[in-house]
Amino acid sequence: MTTMAGRRTRAALRARLVANGVLSESTGVVVLAGLANGYADYTTTREEFSQQRYEGGSTIYGPLQLDGYIQELLRLADHLANGTTPSSDSPPEDFTGHVISTGGSKEAEAAPSGHAFGDVLLDAPASVAPGGSVAVTFVGGSLNNDLHTQSSFLRVERQAAGGGWDLIAEDGDVETRLTTKKDGWLLSDKHYEVTATWDVPPATPAGTYRISHQGSWWHDPLFSTARAVPYSGASSAFQVAVPQWVEAA
């Protein structure tokens, strides 16, 4: 944990333990043991995560990772005070066998017949209300072909008054998700279906929006050098609008 993440964790825990009578107001102390023969990478505050420096870029579960730790530690503190045994969910997925590679998939990819990489397979709806969700599926390549470390795999954009597009959110934001599914791998059109999802925040202003996806597909010709070929695509424009019944109220 960074120093500020540690301060917030200790302050939240101390307040809860004092309120529950486990610690005294005058002498209660909370200590964090940061390293204990395990591996969870870094934990930063949301502000530190947004800077994406070394520690923020290594906070692997996103900007709310610290909040998740504090939430669960407070839950355990309540059980400690009450002398009860907390319930436990199933263990999370073990990522030990997962490998992130910058060398590409090393498998030739090809768009399905009648399509090109970046084409939209499932488009956005005409409109969505704040608090709703939009999912757009593209013809894509393996995300390992190019990790886009200085850019993004997806962009949520709002149309500006002059007709251009302003960035609203990207794949580093908590309200976006990117999922992939292999398709056509038993045939010649080996590719991925890449789905970009935006959970529209409740305070999103009305306007015209779109979702775009940027990636690379693996080109492996017979008599020349294999390489990652960039592509991009964008959904149709859609409206974010407050439902009429809400406006009337």
C-alpha atoms as a PDB file:
ATOM      1  CA  MET A   1       0.000   0.000   0.000  1.00  0.00           C
ATOM      2  CA  THR A   2       1.101   3.537  -0.639  1.00  0.00           C
ATOM      3  CA  THR A   3       1.395   5.752   2.428  1.00  0.00           C
ATOM      4  CA  MET A   4      -1.903   7.529   1.750  1.00  0.00           C
ATOM      5  CA  ALA A   5      -3.712   4.236   1.042  1.00  0.00           C
ATOM      6  CA  GLY A   6      -2.361   2.977   4.374  1.00  0.00           C
ATOM      7  CA  ARG A   7      -3.471   6.109   6.223  1.00  0.00           C
ATOM      8  CA  ARG A   8      -7.016   5.835   4.911  1.00  0.00           C
ATOM      9  CA  THR A   9      -7.199   2.131   5.738  1.00  0.00           C
ATOM     10  CA  ARG A  10      -5.882   2.624   9.293  1.00  0.00           C
ATOM     11  CA  ALA A  11      -8.172   5.607   9.935  1.00  0.00           C
ATOM     12  CA  ALA A  12     -11.283   3.740   8.735  1.00  0.00           C
ATOM     13  CA  LEU A  13     -10.427   0.617  10.729  1.00  0.00           C
ATOM     14  CA  ARG A  14      -9.539   2.510  13.893  1.00  0.00           C
ATOM     15  CA  ALA A  15     -12.816   4.467  13.819  1.00  0.00           C
ATOM     16  CA  ARG A  16     -14.823   1.253  13.372  1.00  0.00           C
ATOM     17  CA  LEU A  17     -12.920  -0.667  16.068  1.00  0.00           C
ATOM     18  CA  VAL A  18     -13.283   2.215  18.533  1.00  0.00           C
ATOM     19  CA  ALA A  19     -17.002   2.494  17.773  1.00  0.00           C
ATOM     20  CA  ASN A  20     -17.374  -1.264  18.349  1.00  0.00           C
ATOM     21  CA  GLY A  21     -15.494  -1.099  21.643  1.00  0.00           C
ATOM     22  CA  VAL A  22     -12.558  -3.224  20.477  1.00  0.00           C
ATOM     23  CA  LEU A  23     -10.048  -0.368  20.809  1.00  0.00           C
ATOM     24  CA  SER A  24     -10.063   2.580  23.167  1.00  0.00           C
ATOM     25  CA  GLU A  25     -10.239   6.150  21.922  1.00  0.00           C
ATOM     26  CA  SER A  26      -7.018   7.115  23.720  1.00  0.00           C
ATOM     27  CA  THR A  27      -4.761   4.106  23.141  1.00  0.00           C
ATOM     28  CA  GLY A  28      -6.109   2.196  20.156  1.00  0.00           C
ATOM     29  CA  VAL A  29      -3.567   1.677  17.374  1.00  0.00           C
ATOM     30  CA  VAL A  30      -3.970  -0.017  13.973  1.00  0.00           C
ATOM     31  CA  VAL A  31      -0.845  -1.351  12.238  1.00  0.00           C
ATOM     32  CA  LEU A  32      -0.591  -2.569   8.637  1.00  0.00           C
ATOM     33  CA  ALA A  33       1.844  -5.380   7.784  1.00  0.00           C
ATOM     34  CA  GLY A  34       2.358  -4.738   4.101  1.00  0.00           C
ATOM     35  CA  LEU A  35       4.364  -7.810   3.091  1.00  0.00           C
ATOM     36  CA  ALA A  36       3.373 -11.283   4.287  1.00  0.00           C
ATOM     37  CA  ASN A  37       4.721 -13.858   1.813  1.00  0.00           C
ATOM     38  CA  GLY A  38       1.933 -13.133  -0.661  1.00  0.00           C
ATOM     39  CA  TYR A  39       1.462 -11.167  -3.874  1.00  0.00           C
ATOM     40  CA  ALA A  40      -1.251  -8.636  -4.591  1.00  0.00           C
ATOM     41  CA  ASP A  41       0.757  -5.962  -6.440  1.00  0.00           C
ATOM     42  CA  TYR A  42       0.297  -2.310  -5.407  1.00  0.00           C
ATOM     43  CA  THR A  43      -2.704  -0.633  -3.797  1.00  0.00           C
ATOM     44  CA  THR A  44      -3.137   3.105  -4.373  1.00  0.00           C
ATOM     45  CA  THR A  45      -5.798   5.713  -3.733  1.00  0.00           C
ATOM     46  CA  ARG A  46      -8.162   6.591  -6.572  1.00  0.00           C
ATOM     47  CA  GLU A  47      -6.306   9.884  -7.013  1.00  0.00           C
ATOM     48  CA  GLU A  48      -2.957   8.097  -7.298  1.00  0.00           C
ATOM     49  CA  PHE A  49      -4.442   5.530  -9.678  1.00  0.00           C
ATOM     50  CA  SER A  50      -5.642   8.298 -11.995  1.00  0.00           C
ATOM     51  CA  GLN A  51      -2.041   9.494 -12.458  1.00  0.00           C
ATOM     52  CA  GLN A  52      -1.004   6.022 -13.733  1.00  0.00           C
ATOM     53  CA  ARG A  53       2.549   6.299 -12.485  1.00  0.00           C
ATOM     54  CA  TYR A  54       4.383   3.123 -11.500  1.00  0.00           C
ATOM     55  CA  GLU A  55       2.327   2.271  -8.402  1.00  0.00           C
ATOM     56  CA  GLY A  56      -1.005   3.335  -9.902  1.00  0.00           C
ATOM     57  CA  GLY A  57      -0.256   1.424 -13.083  1.00  0.00           C
ATOM     58  CA  SER A  58       0.469  -1.641 -10.952  1.00  0.00           C
ATOM     59  CA  THR A  59      -2.802  -1.506  -8.985  1.00  0.00           C
ATOM     60  CA  ILE A  60      -4.215  -4.450 -10.883  1.00  0.00           C
ATOM     61  CA  TYR A  61      -7.881  -4.349  -9.790  1.00  0.00           C
ATOM     62  CA  GLY A  62      -8.482  -0.746 -10.743  1.00  0.00           C
ATOM     63  CA  PRO A  63      -9.246   2.585  -9.077  1.00  0.00           C
ATOM     64  CA  LEU A  64     -11.608   1.101  -6.460  1.00  0.00           C
ATOM     65  CA  GLN A  65      -9.171  -1.566  -5.216  1.00  0.00           C
ATOM     66  CA  LEU A  66      -8.446   0.342  -2.004  1.00  0.00           C
ATOM     67  CA  ASP A  67     -12.175   0.878  -1.364  1.00  0.00           C
ATOM     68  CA  GLY A  68     -12.680  -2.867  -1.764  1.00  0.00           C
ATOM     69  CA  TYR A  69     -10.004  -3.635   0.807  1.00  0.00           C
ATOM     70  CA  ILE A  70     -11.461  -1.133   3.290  1.00  0.00           C
ATOM     71  CA  GLN A  71     -14.996  -2.455   2.763  1.00  0.00           C
ATOM     72  CA  GLU A  72     -13.940  -6.036   3.532  1.00  0.00           C
ATOM     73  CA  LEU A  73     -11.664  -5.082   6.435  1.00  0.00           C
ATOM     74  CA  LEU A  74     -14.533  -3.162   8.060  1.00  0.00           C
ATOM     75  CA  ARG A  75     -16.769  -6.194   7.592  1.00  0.00           C
ATOM     76  CA  LEU A  76     -14.168  -8.359   9.339  1.00  0.00           C
ATOM     77  CA  ALA A  77     -13.809  -5.753  12.093  1.00  0.00           C
ATOM     78  CA  ASP A  78     -17.547  -6.010  12.803  1.00  0.00           C
ATOM     79  CA  HIS A  79     -17.287  -9.798  13.068  1.00  0.00           C
ATOM     80  CA  LEU A  80     -14.266  -9.403  15.355  1.00  0.00           C
ATOM     81  CA  ALA A  81     -16.270  -7.137  17.645  1.00  0.00           C
ATOM     82  CA  ASN A  82     -19.316  -9.430  17.640  1.00  0.00           C
ATOM     83  CA  GLY A  83     -17.371 -12.672  18.016  1.00  0.00           C
ATOM     84  CA  THR A  84     -18.972 -14.096  14.877  1.00  0.00           C
ATOM     85  CA  THR A  85     -17.505 -15.992  11.924  1.00  0.00           C
ATOM     86  CA  PRO A  86     -17.767 -14.221   8.548  1.00  0.00           C
ATOM     87  CA  SER A  87     -19.044 -16.008   5.481  1.00  0.00           C
ATOM     88  CA  SER A  88     -16.706 -16.375   2.532  1.00  0.00           C
ATOM     89  CA  ASP A  89     -17.281 -16.411  -1.221  1.00  0.00           C
ATOM     90  CA  SER A  90     -15.487 -18.800  -3.562  1.00  0.00           C
ATOM     91  CA  PRO A  91     -11.810 -17.965  -4.154  1.00  0.00           C
ATOM     92  CA  PRO A  92     -11.166 -15.617  -7.089  1.00  0.00           C
ATOM     93  CA  GLU A  93      -9.719 -16.937 -10.336  1.00  0.00           C
ATOM     94  CA  ASP A  94      -6.062 -17.978 -10.130  1.00  0.00           C
ATOM     95  CA  PHE A  95      -4.134 -15.931 -12.719  1.00  0.00           C
ATOM     96  CA  THR A  96      -0.924 -17.954 -12.331  1.00  0.00           C
ATOM     97  CA  GLY A  97      -1.257 -19.595 -15.742  1.00  0.00           C
ATOM     98  CA  HIS A  98      -2.279 -16.414 -17.566  1.00  0.00           C
ATOM     99  CA  VAL A  99       0.428 -14.818 -19.682  1.00  0.00           C
ATOM    100  CA  ILE A 100       0.373 -11.295 -21.096  1.00  0.00           C
ATOM    101  CA  SER A 101       2.600 -11.123 -24.155  1.00  0.00           C
ATOM    102  CA  THR A 102       3.672  -8.166 -26.248  1.00  0.00           C
ATOM    103  CA  GLY A 103       4.765 -10.464 -29.078  1.00  0.00           C
ATOM    104  CA  GLY A 104       1.356 -10.952 -30.622  1.00  0.00           C
ATOM    105  CA  SER A 105      -0.796 -14.054 -30.817  1.00  0.00           C
ATOM    106  CA  LYS A 106       1.579 -15.588 -33.385  1.00  0.00           C
ATOM    107  CA  GLU A 107      -1.481 -17.007 -35.097  1.00  0.00           C
ATOM    108  CA  ALA A 108      -2.666 -15.606 -38.403  1.00  0.00           C
ATOM    109  CA  GLU A 109      -5.984 -13.771 -38.139  1.00  0.00           C
ATOM    110  CA  ALA A 110      -8.516 -12.884 -40.819  1.00  0.00           C
ATOM    111  CA  ALA A 111     -11.797 -11.004 -40.779  1.00  0.00           C
ATOM    112  CA  PRO A 112     -14.981 -12.950 -41.583  1.00  0.00           C
ATOM    113  CA  SER A 113     -16.342 -12.840 -45.101  1.00  0.00           C
ATOM    114  CA  GLY A 114     -17.880  -9.483 -45.943  1.00  0.00           C
ATOM    115  CA  HIS A 115     -16.235  -7.730 -43.003  1.00  0.00           C
ATOM    116  CA  ALA A 116     -13.010  -5.948 -42.130  1.00  0.00           C
ATOM    117  CA  PHE A 117     -11.270  -5.601 -38.786  1.00  0.00           C
ATOM    118  CA  GLY A 118     -12.941  -2.806 -36.839  1.00  0.00           C
ATOM    119  CA  ASP A 119     -16.384  -3.445 -38.351  1.00  0.00           C
ATOM    120  CA  VAL A 120     -19.321  -3.299 -35.949  1.00  0.00           C
ATOM    121  CA  LEU A 121     -21.161  -6.596 -35.440  1.00  0.00           C
ATOM    122  CA  LEU A 122     -23.514  -5.380 -32.696  1.00  0.00           C
ATOM    123  CA  ASP A 123     -24.222  -1.657 -32.774  1.00  0.00           C
ATOM    124  CA  ALA A 124     -25.265   0.756 -30.049  1.00  0.00           C
ATOM    125  CA  PRO A 125     -28.972   1.485 -29.532  1.00  0.00           C
ATOM    126  CA  ALA A 126     -30.389   4.767 -30.772  1.00  0.00           C
ATOM    127  CA  SER A 127     -30.590   6.126 -27.226  1.00  0.00           C
ATOM    128  CA  VAL A 128     -29.831   5.237 -23.630  1.00  0.00           C
ATOM    129  CA  ALA A 129     -30.733   6.864 -20.336  1.00  0.00           C
ATOM    130  CA  PRO A 130     -28.163   7.813 -17.690  1.00  0.00           C
ATOM    131  CA  GLY A 131     -27.654   4.807 -15.452  1.00  0.00           C
ATOM    132  CA  GLY A 132     -28.143   2.439 -18.391  1.00  0.00           C
ATOM    133  CA  SER A 133     -25.555   0.420 -20.303  1.00  0.00           C
ATOM    134  CA  VAL A 134     -24.316   0.319 -23.911  1.00  0.00           C
ATOM    135  CA  ALA A 135     -22.450  -2.632 -25.466  1.00  0.00           C
ATOM    136  CA  VAL A 136     -20.878  -2.607 -28.930  1.00  0.00           C
ATOM    137  CA  THR A 137     -19.216  -5.666 -30.541  1.00  0.00           C
ATOM    138  CA  PHE A 138     -16.443  -5.305 -33.141  1.00  0.00           C
ATOM    139  CA  VAL A 139     -14.524  -7.633 -35.458  1.00  0.00           C
ATOM    140  CA  GLY A 140     -11.152  -7.634 -33.708  1.00  0.00           C
ATOM    141  CA  GLY A 141      -7.793  -9.261 -33.218  1.00  0.00           C
ATOM    142  CA  SER A 142      -6.065 -10.569 -30.117  1.00  0.00           C
ATOM    143  CA  LEU A 143      -5.481  -7.771 -27.608  1.00  0.00           C
ATOM    144  CA  ASN A 144      -2.006  -9.231 -27.033  1.00  0.00           C
ATOM    145  CA  ASN A 145      -0.995  -8.161 -30.538  1.00  0.00           C
ATOM    146  CA  ASP A 146      -0.477  -4.619 -29.200  1.00  0.00           C
ATOM    147  CA  LEU A 147      -1.075  -3.751 -25.543  1.00  0.00           C
ATOM    148  CA  HIS A 148      -1.693  -0.040 -26.301  1.00  0.00           C
ATOM    149  CA  THR A 149       0.350   0.913 -23.260  1.00  0.00           C
ATOM    150  CA  GLN A 150       0.360   4.590 -24.235  1.00  0.00           C
ATOM    151  CA  SER A 151      -3.195   4.665 -25.537  1.00  0.00           C
ATOM    152  CA  SER A 152      -6.445   2.743 -25.071  1.00  0.00           C
ATOM    153  CA  PHE A 153      -8.409  -0.150 -26.549  1.00  0.00           C
ATOM    154  CA  LEU A 154     -11.698   1.725 -26.306  1.00  0.00           C
ATOM    155  CA  ARG A 155     -12.917   5.300 -26.182  1.00  0.00           C
ATOM    156  CA  VAL A 156     -16.286   6.748 -25.195  1.00  0.00           C
ATOM    157  CA  GLU A 157     -16.671  10.111 -26.925  1.00  0.00           C
ATOM    158  CA  ARG A 158     -19.205  12.944 -26.886  1.00  0.00           C
ATOM    159  CA  GLN A 159     -19.834  15.086 -29.940  1.00  0.00           C
ATOM    160  CA  ALA A 160     -18.672  18.672 -29.432  1.00  0.00           C
ATOM    161  CA  ALA A 161     -20.492  21.759 -30.634  1.00  0.00           C
ATOM    162  CA  GLY A 162     -18.094  22.091 -33.560  1.00  0.00           C
ATOM    163  CA  GLY A 163     -18.720  18.536 -34.733  1.00  0.00           C
ATOM    164  CA  GLY A 164     -15.570  16.949 -33.282  1.00  0.00           C
ATOM    165  CA  TRP A 165     -15.460  14.279 -30.599  1.00  0.00           C
ATOM    166  CA  ASP A 166     -14.323  14.802 -26.997  1.00  0.00           C
ATOM    167  CA  LEU A 167     -12.985  11.924 -24.902  1.00  0.00           C
ATOM    168  CA  ILE A 168     -15.332  11.013 -22.007  1.00  0.00           C
ATOM    169  CA  ALA A 169     -13.982   7.642 -20.838  1.00  0.00           C
ATOM    170  CA  GLU A 170     -11.546   4.918 -21.896  1.00  0.00           C
ATOM    171  CA  ASP A 171     -10.566   1.403 -20.875  1.00  0.00           C
ATOM    172  CA  GLY A 172      -8.890   2.595 -17.671  1.00  0.00           C
ATOM    173  CA  ASP A 173     -12.162   3.971 -16.293  1.00  0.00           C
ATOM    174  CA  VAL A 174     -14.274   1.982 -13.866  1.00  0.00           C
ATOM    175  CA  GLU A 175     -17.461   2.378 -15.943  1.00  0.00           C
ATOM    176  CA  THR A 176     -16.011   0.618 -19.023  1.00  0.00           C
ATOM    177  CA  ARG A 177     -15.307  -3.063 -19.746  1.00  0.00           C
ATOM    178  CA  LEU A 178     -13.678  -4.879 -22.658  1.00  0.00           C
ATOM    179  CA  THR A 179     -14.263  -8.575 -23.327  1.00  0.00           C
ATOM    180  CA  THR A 180     -13.113 -10.829 -26.175  1.00  0.00           C
ATOM    181  CA  LYS A 181     -14.339 -14.118 -27.620  1.00  0.00           C
ATOM    182  CA  LYS A 182     -12.611 -16.254 -30.242  1.00  0.00           C
ATOM    183  CA  ASP A 183     -14.662 -16.819 -33.376  1.00  0.00           C
ATOM    184  CA  GLY A 184     -14.030 -18.653 -36.638  1.00  0.00           C
ATOM    185  CA  TRP A 185     -10.972 -20.497 -35.306  1.00  0.00           C
ATOM    186  CA  LEU A 186     -12.017 -23.788 -36.899  1.00  0.00           C
ATOM    187  CA  LEU A 187     -12.257 -22.061 -40.289  1.00  0.00           C
ATOM    188  CA  SER A 188     -10.114 -19.578 -42.188  1.00  0.00           C
ATOM    189  CA  ASP A 189     -11.630 -16.372 -40.763  1.00  0.00           C
ATOM    190  CA  LYS A 190      -9.848 -16.520 -37.402  1.00  0.00           C
ATOM    191  CA  HIS A 191     -10.688 -13.427 -35.387  1.00  0.00           C
ATOM    192  CA  TYR A 192     -12.079 -12.206 -32.083  1.00  0.00           C
ATOM    193  CA  GLU A 193     -15.390 -10.617 -31.235  1.00  0.00           C
ATOM    194  CA  VAL A 194     -14.387  -7.649 -29.064  1.00  0.00           C
ATOM    195  CA  THR A 195     -17.200  -6.167 -26.977  1.00  0.00           C
ATOM    196  CA  ALA A 196     -16.832  -2.693 -25.462  1.00  0.00           C
ATOM    197  CA  THR A 197     -19.330  -1.914 -22.697  1.00  0.00           C
ATOM    198  CA  TRP A 198     -20.031   1.474 -21.114  1.00  0.00           C
ATOM    199  CA  ASP A 199     -22.114   1.707 -17.944  1.00  0.00           C
ATOM    200  CA  VAL A 200     -23.449   5.235 -18.352  1.00  0.00           C
ATOM    201  CA  PRO A 201     -22.918   7.176 -15.086  1.00  0.00           C
ATOM    202  CA  PRO A 202     -26.149   8.644 -13.661  1.00  0.00           C
ATOM    203  CA  ALA A 203     -24.785  12.204 -13.911  1.00  0.00           C
ATOM    204  CA  THR A 204     -23.860  11.916 -17.617  1.00  0.00           C
ATOM    205  CA  PRO A 205     -25.082  15.020 -19.478  1.00  0.00           C
ATOM    206  CA  ALA A 206     -27.428  14.658 -22.444  1.00  0.00           C
ATOM    207  CA  GLY A 207     -25.777  14.647 -25.837  1.00  0.00           C
ATOM    208  CA  THR A 208     -24.589  12.587 -28.791  1.00  0.00           C
ATOM    209  CA  TYR A 209     -22.065   9.848 -28.020  1.00  0.00           C
ATOM    210  CA  ARG A 210     -20.214   6.998 -29.693  1.00  0.00           C
ATOM    211  CA  ILE A 211     -17.944   4.104 -28.657  1.00  0.00           C
ATOM    212  CA  SER A 212     -14.795   3.300 -30.613  1.00  0.00           C
ATOM    213  CA  HIS A 213     -12.340   0.387 -30.481  1.00  0.00           C
ATOM    214  CA  GLN A 214      -8.694   0.421 -31.513  1.00  0.00           C
ATOM    215  CA  GLY A 215      -6.584  -2.722 -31.858  1.00  0.00           C
ATOM    216  CA  SER A 216      -4.298  -4.757 -34.111  1.00  0.00           C
ATOM    217  CA  TRP A 217      -4.754  -8.003 -36.022  1.00  0.00           C
ATOM    218  CA  TRP A 218      -1.957 -10.487 -36.712  1.00  0.00           C
ATOM    219  CA  HIS A 219      -0.989 -10.593 -40.399  1.00  0.00           C
ATOM    220  CA  ASP A 220       1.105 -13.646 -41.284  1.00  0.00           C
ATOM    221  CA  PRO A 221       1.592 -13.788 -45.069  1.00  0.00           C
ATOM    222  CA  LEU A 222       3.279 -16.775 -46.684  1.00  0.00           C
ATOM    223  CA  PHE A 223       6.367 -15.078 -48.089  1.00  0.00           C
ATOM    224  CA  SER A 224       6.867 -11.965 -45.964  1.00  0.00           C
ATOM    225  CA  THR A 225       7.309 -10.920 -42.346  1.00  0.00           C
ATOM    226  CA  ALA A 226       4.431 -11.429 -39.931  1.00  0.00           C
ATOM    227  CA  ARG A 227       3.313  -8.257 -38.167  1.00  0.00           C
ATOM    228  CA  ALA A 228       0.548  -6.613 -36.160  1.00  0.00           C
ATOM    229  CA  VAL A 229      -1.665  -4.399 -38.357  1.00  0.00           C
ATOM    230  CA  PRO A 230      -3.555  -1.569 -36.609  1.00  0.00           C
ATOM    231  CA  TYR A 231      -7.302  -1.168 -37.107  1.00  0.00           C
ATOM    232  CA  SER A 232     -10.073   0.946 -35.602  1.00  0.00           C
ATOM    233  CA  GLY A 233     -13.834   1.145 -35.671  1.00  0.00           C
ATOM    234  CA  ALA A 234     -16.657   3.157 -34.130  1.00  0.00           C
ATOM    235  CA  SER A 235     -20.289   2.588 -33.306  1.00  0.00           C
ATOM    236  CA  SER A 236     -23.112   4.637 -34.723  1.00  0.00           C
ATOM    237  CA  ALA A 237     -23.819   7.837 -32.822  1.00  0.00           C
ATOM    238  CA  PHE A 238     -26.382   7.450 -30.047  1.00  0.00           C
ATOM    239  CA  GLN A 239     -28.168   9.794 -27.689  1.00  0.00           C
ATOM    240  CA  VAL A 240     -27.853   9.934 -23.926  1.00  0.00           C
ATOM    241  CA  ALA A 241     -31.127  11.493 -22.818  1.00  0.00           C
ATOM    242  CA  VAL A 242     -33.141  11.664 -19.608  1.00  0.00           C
ATOM    243  CA  PRO A 243     -36.476   9.782 -20.061  1.00  0.00           C
ATOM    244  CA  GLN A 244     -39.466  12.080 -20.594  1.00  0.00           C
ATOM    245  CA  TRP A 245     -41.212  10.846 -17.440  1.00  0.00           C
ATOM    246  CA  VAL A 246     -38.201  11.941 -15.396  1.00  0.00           C
ATOM    247  CA  GLU A 247     -38.163  15.364 -17.032  1.00  0.00           C
ATOM    248  CA  ALA A 248     -41.883  15.761 -16.382  1.00  0.00           C
ATOM    249  CA  ALA A 249     -41.419  14.888 -12.731  1.00  0.00           C
END
